[in-house]
Structure formats: C-alpha cells, structure tokens
C-alpha cells in the first residue's frame, strides 16, 4: 500500500523576504573599517610615498596587527588601486548628482561653475586624499590598474564637454573645448599643492576666481 503524499500548501512554505538580504552588523562594520583603512593608507601614501609606506605602517595607523590589512586587500598594490578607483567612482557619482540637480535650461556658465565647485570639493574637501595620490603615484599602478581608473576618469571629464562646447559656441571660451578641458583640469588639480583652508579664499570664492580665469565675461 502506497502512503498518500502530503500536499504542502503555499501557506506552509517558509516566507522569504524579497530583494537583497540585509547586511549583517559585521558586514556593515567591515565596510566602515575598509573605508577607514583606505583613508589612512591614502594619507600615508601622500606623506611617505607609496614605495616607502609598508603594510605595517598602515596597520599601525589603524591600530591593527601588521597582517590585518590583508583581510581587506590582498596586497599593498590592491589597496593603492582601491584608493584611486573607488575615490574616482565616488567623485563620478557625486558629480552626476550635482548635474542632475540643475534646473532644466541652466546656462553653460552656471553649469561649469557647478562642475568646478564640485571638483574643488573632491580635490580639497574632507575626503580628498585619493586625487593627490593619483597625481603622485599613478606610475605605481600596473598597466591593467591604470586602464581601470582611466575609464572612470575619462567618463568623469567627458561630462564637462557639453558646457565647454556651449561656451565656445557662445564666444565665451576662446580655446578649443577639448584642449580647454585639459588646461582646466591641470590648473584645478594643481590647487592641492598650494590651497590652504586657513588662506584668504573659501572654496566658493576660489570657484569664482577659476571661472573668471577660464571663461570670458558674458
């Protein structure tokens, strides 16, 4: 005699919440520690240089055992790459946010002003270590790592072209837009060498000075 099969109703099936599973407290804490590790590493790479900075130095800055950084990054090179790539990804995301917040029909000069101000925030703001590291330690990346960062950087800079092209058409930008973009980024990025938060200019005032330098008065 064959035993009758018991049919399981839908109500008996354990309910599984839809969407991604929630992150555990350990996952959240680990992500925070990883970001903190990257910030400490970026500061050390700036002060001592990448080659002279050891994983022991980075661990000590975090109050970790000397081998603990390898829990988050497989090598010092991977940590350097993460500092640059993830910093550039954050910069790109923040730039996209400020562009999307612009009102429809915003003129090109105002658009460029917003882009310059946001770039100064990335360069000189509280979480700005990755750009100086990029400027000084680019050659320390492998060729594959450079390609990975360059793809994000190129997309970030390309978003400036519509404003520069519109300014050129209006006669407010005298240089060819693609060349102007190179000059503008060179000038803005160099401010990490001389800008002081204790100096005479705020980031808003510095933005206005830069805009006057690059764009003719309407």
Protein backbone atom coordinates (compact mmCIF):
# COMPACT_ATOMS: atom_id res chain seq x y z
CA UNK A 1 0.00 0.00 0.00
CA UNK A 2 1.41 3.32 -1.08
CA UNK A 3 1.26 6.06 1.51
CA UNK A 4 -0.62 9.12 0.38
CA UNK A 5 1.54 12.11 -0.38
CA UNK A 6 1.02 15.11 1.78
CA UNK A 7 0.41 18.23 -0.30
CA UNK A 8 2.13 21.30 1.04
CA UNK A 9 0.05 24.44 0.75
CA UNK A 10 1.50 27.81 -0.16
CA UNK A 11 0.81 28.94 3.39
CA UNK A 12 3.12 26.23 4.72
CA UNK A 13 6.09 27.41 2.67
CA UNK A 14 8.53 29.48 4.73
CA UNK A 15 8.28 33.11 3.68
CA UNK A 16 11.45 34.60 2.26
CA UNK A 17 11.72 38.37 2.06
CA UNK A 18 12.22 39.70 -1.43
CA UNK A 19 15.21 41.73 -2.53
CA UNK A 20 18.79 41.57 -1.35
CA UNK A 21 19.42 40.05 2.06
CA UNK A 22 20.10 42.56 4.77
CA UNK A 23 23.70 43.18 5.61
CA UNK A 24 24.77 41.88 8.97
CA UNK A 25 26.34 44.13 11.59
CA UNK A 26 29.68 42.50 10.79
CA UNK A 27 29.29 43.36 7.08
CA UNK A 28 28.48 46.99 7.87
CA UNK A 29 31.34 47.28 10.34
CA UNK A 30 33.70 45.61 7.88
CA UNK A 31 32.76 48.09 5.18
CA UNK A 32 33.41 51.01 7.52
CA UNK A 33 36.77 49.56 8.55
CA UNK A 34 37.70 49.06 4.90
CA UNK A 35 36.93 52.69 4.05
CA UNK A 36 38.85 53.87 7.11
CA UNK A 37 41.80 51.72 6.08
CA UNK A 38 41.77 53.31 2.62
CA UNK A 39 41.72 56.83 4.10
CA UNK A 40 44.67 56.09 6.39
CA UNK A 41 46.56 54.48 3.52
CA UNK A 42 45.91 57.49 1.26
CA UNK A 43 47.32 59.85 3.89
CA UNK A 44 50.41 57.71 4.35
CA UNK A 45 50.95 57.40 0.59
CA UNK A 46 50.87 61.21 0.41
CA UNK A 47 53.21 61.82 3.35
CA UNK A 48 55.71 58.99 2.89
CA UNK A 49 55.14 57.94 -0.70
CA UNK A 50 53.76 54.60 -1.85
CA UNK A 51 57.11 52.84 -2.08
CA UNK A 52 58.20 53.89 1.41
CA UNK A 53 54.88 53.03 3.07
CA UNK A 54 54.66 49.50 4.41
CA UNK A 55 51.58 47.49 5.30
CA UNK A 56 52.93 47.57 8.86
CA UNK A 57 52.72 51.40 8.73
CA UNK A 58 49.12 51.22 7.52
CA UNK A 59 48.18 48.64 10.16
CA UNK A 60 49.76 50.76 12.90
CA UNK A 61 47.79 53.81 11.79
CA UNK A 62 44.63 51.74 12.19
CA UNK A 63 45.67 50.12 15.48
CA UNK A 64 45.71 46.70 13.74
CA UNK A 65 48.08 43.78 13.77
CA UNK A 66 50.60 44.01 10.93
CA UNK A 67 48.88 41.37 8.78
CA UNK A 68 45.32 42.58 9.32
CA UNK A 69 45.12 44.84 6.20
CA UNK A 70 45.37 41.67 4.10
CA UNK A 71 41.94 40.68 5.39
CA UNK A 72 40.54 43.57 3.32
CA UNK A 73 43.07 43.82 0.47
CA UNK A 74 45.23 41.06 -0.93
CA UNK A 75 48.26 43.33 -1.39
CA UNK A 76 49.51 46.88 -0.95
CA UNK A 77 49.14 47.33 -4.70
CA UNK A 78 45.47 46.31 -4.47
CA UNK A 79 45.00 48.85 -1.69
CA UNK A 80 46.56 51.63 -3.79
CA UNK A 81 44.30 50.69 -6.70
CA UNK A 82 41.23 50.72 -4.47
CA UNK A 83 42.14 54.18 -3.13
CA UNK A 84 42.28 55.55 -6.67
CA UNK A 85 39.46 53.62 -8.33
CA UNK A 86 36.90 53.88 -5.55
CA UNK A 87 37.79 57.52 -4.97
CA UNK A 88 37.22 58.21 -8.65
CA UNK A 89 33.92 56.28 -8.58
CA UNK A 90 32.75 58.39 -5.64
CA UNK A 91 33.77 61.58 -7.45
CA UNK A 92 31.85 60.49 -10.56
CA UNK A 93 28.73 59.65 -8.54
CA UNK A 94 28.77 62.99 -6.72
CA UNK A 95 29.30 64.89 -9.95
CA UNK A 96 26.36 63.09 -11.53
CA UNK A 97 24.20 64.08 -8.56
CA UNK A 98 25.01 67.79 -8.84
CA UNK A 99 24.39 67.75 -12.60
CA UNK A 100 21.03 66.04 -12.16
CA UNK A 101 20.08 68.64 -9.54
CA UNK A 102 20.47 71.51 -12.03
CA UNK A 103 17.26 73.06 -13.23
CA UNK A 104 16.33 72.42 -16.88
CA UNK A 105 17.73 75.12 -19.12
CA UNK A 106 20.61 76.06 -16.78
CA UNK A 107 23.09 78.08 -18.85
CA UNK A 108 26.52 76.70 -19.67
CA UNK A 109 28.44 79.18 -17.50
CA UNK A 110 26.45 78.20 -14.41
CA UNK A 111 26.88 74.53 -15.29
CA UNK A 112 30.64 74.99 -15.46
CA UNK A 113 30.60 76.87 -12.16
CA UNK A 114 28.82 73.94 -10.50
CA UNK A 115 31.29 71.46 -12.01
CA UNK A 116 34.29 73.48 -10.82
CA UNK A 117 32.84 73.84 -7.31
CA UNK A 118 32.15 70.12 -7.05
CA UNK A 119 35.63 69.30 -8.33
CA UNK A 120 37.13 71.54 -5.65
CA UNK A 121 35.10 69.64 -3.07
CA UNK A 122 36.59 66.39 -4.36
CA UNK A 123 40.09 67.87 -4.50
CA UNK A 124 40.17 69.84 -1.26
CA UNK A 125 37.26 68.61 0.86
CA UNK A 126 37.38 66.33 3.90
CA UNK A 127 37.66 63.07 1.91
CA UNK A 128 40.00 64.31 -0.80
CA UNK A 129 43.08 62.12 -0.39
CA UNK A 130 42.67 59.99 -3.47
CA UNK A 131 43.28 62.70 -6.12
CA UNK A 132 46.69 63.76 -4.78
CA UNK A 133 47.57 60.05 -4.58
CA UNK A 134 46.55 59.73 -8.24
CA UNK A 135 48.72 62.70 -9.18
CA UNK A 136 51.82 61.41 -7.41
CA UNK A 137 51.50 57.63 -7.57
CA UNK A 138 49.98 56.96 -10.99
CA UNK A 139 53.13 55.17 -12.15
CA UNK A 140 52.91 52.79 -9.19
CA UNK A 141 49.81 51.15 -10.69
CA UNK A 142 50.04 48.23 -13.06
CA UNK A 143 49.01 48.79 -16.69
CA UNK A 144 45.71 46.95 -16.08
CA UNK A 145 45.03 49.04 -12.97
CA UNK A 146 45.71 52.27 -14.86
CA UNK A 147 43.19 51.25 -17.51
CA UNK A 148 40.61 50.57 -14.81
CA UNK A 149 41.00 54.02 -13.25
CA UNK A 150 41.32 55.81 -16.60
CA UNK A 151 37.97 54.54 -17.82
CA UNK A 152 36.22 56.20 -14.86
CA UNK A 153 38.34 59.36 -15.03
CA UNK A 154 37.68 59.78 -18.76
CA UNK A 155 33.92 59.45 -18.25
CA UNK A 156 34.08 61.96 -15.39
CA UNK A 157 35.92 64.53 -17.50
CA UNK A 158 33.71 63.91 -20.55
CA UNK A 159 30.73 65.30 -18.64
CA UNK A 160 32.37 68.74 -18.77
CA UNK A 161 32.37 68.83 -22.56
CA UNK A 162 28.75 69.90 -23.20
CA UNK A 163 29.22 73.04 -21.06
CA UNK A 164 32.60 73.84 -22.63
CA UNK A 165 31.25 73.34 -26.15
CA UNK A 166 28.24 75.56 -25.43
CA UNK A 167 30.52 78.27 -24.03
CA UNK A 168 32.71 78.06 -27.13
CA UNK A 169 29.68 78.44 -29.41
CA UNK A 170 28.64 81.50 -27.41
CA UNK A 171 32.11 83.02 -27.81
CA UNK A 172 32.77 82.86 -24.05
CA UNK A 173 35.51 80.23 -24.33
CA UNK A 174 38.33 81.15 -26.69
CA UNK A 175 40.22 77.84 -26.63
CA UNK A 176 39.18 74.66 -28.41
CA UNK A 177 36.93 72.84 -25.86
CA UNK A 178 38.90 69.57 -25.69
CA UNK A 179 42.16 71.45 -25.13
CA UNK A 180 40.49 73.81 -22.66
CA UNK A 181 39.35 70.80 -20.65
CA UNK A 182 42.95 69.59 -20.32
CA UNK A 183 44.16 73.01 -19.19
CA UNK A 184 41.27 73.40 -16.75
CA UNK A 185 41.86 70.06 -15.06
CA UNK A 186 45.59 70.72 -14.90
CA UNK A 187 45.02 74.06 -13.19
CA UNK A 188 42.32 72.83 -10.81
CA UNK A 189 44.22 69.70 -9.79
CA UNK A 190 47.34 71.72 -9.01
CA UNK A 191 45.48 73.57 -6.24
CA UNK A 192 46.23 70.62 -3.96
CA UNK A 193 49.79 71.98 -3.92
CA UNK A 194 49.03 75.46 -2.65
CA UNK A 195 45.49 75.79 -1.31
CA UNK A 196 45.15 76.29 2.44
CA UNK A 197 41.89 76.20 4.39
CA UNK A 198 43.44 78.93 6.55
CA UNK A 199 44.13 81.09 3.50
CA UNK A 200 42.20 84.09 2.20
CA UNK A 201 39.80 82.17 -0.09
CA UNK A 202 36.94 79.80 0.60
CA UNK A 203 36.13 77.09 -1.94
CA UNK A 204 33.21 79.21 -3.19
CA UNK A 205 35.50 82.19 -3.72
CA UNK A 206 38.12 80.00 -5.36
CA UNK A 207 35.45 78.72 -7.73
CA UNK A 208 34.56 82.26 -8.83
CA UNK A 209 38.23 83.08 -9.41
CA UNK A 210 38.65 79.96 -11.54
CA UNK A 211 35.54 80.74 -13.57
CA UNK A 212 36.83 84.25 -14.34
CA UNK A 213 40.14 82.76 -15.45
CA UNK A 214 38.66 80.22 -17.83
CA UNK A 215 35.55 81.94 -19.22
CA UNK A 216 35.06 85.38 -20.72
CA UNK A 217 32.53 87.69 -19.06
CA UNK A 218 29.12 87.45 -20.80
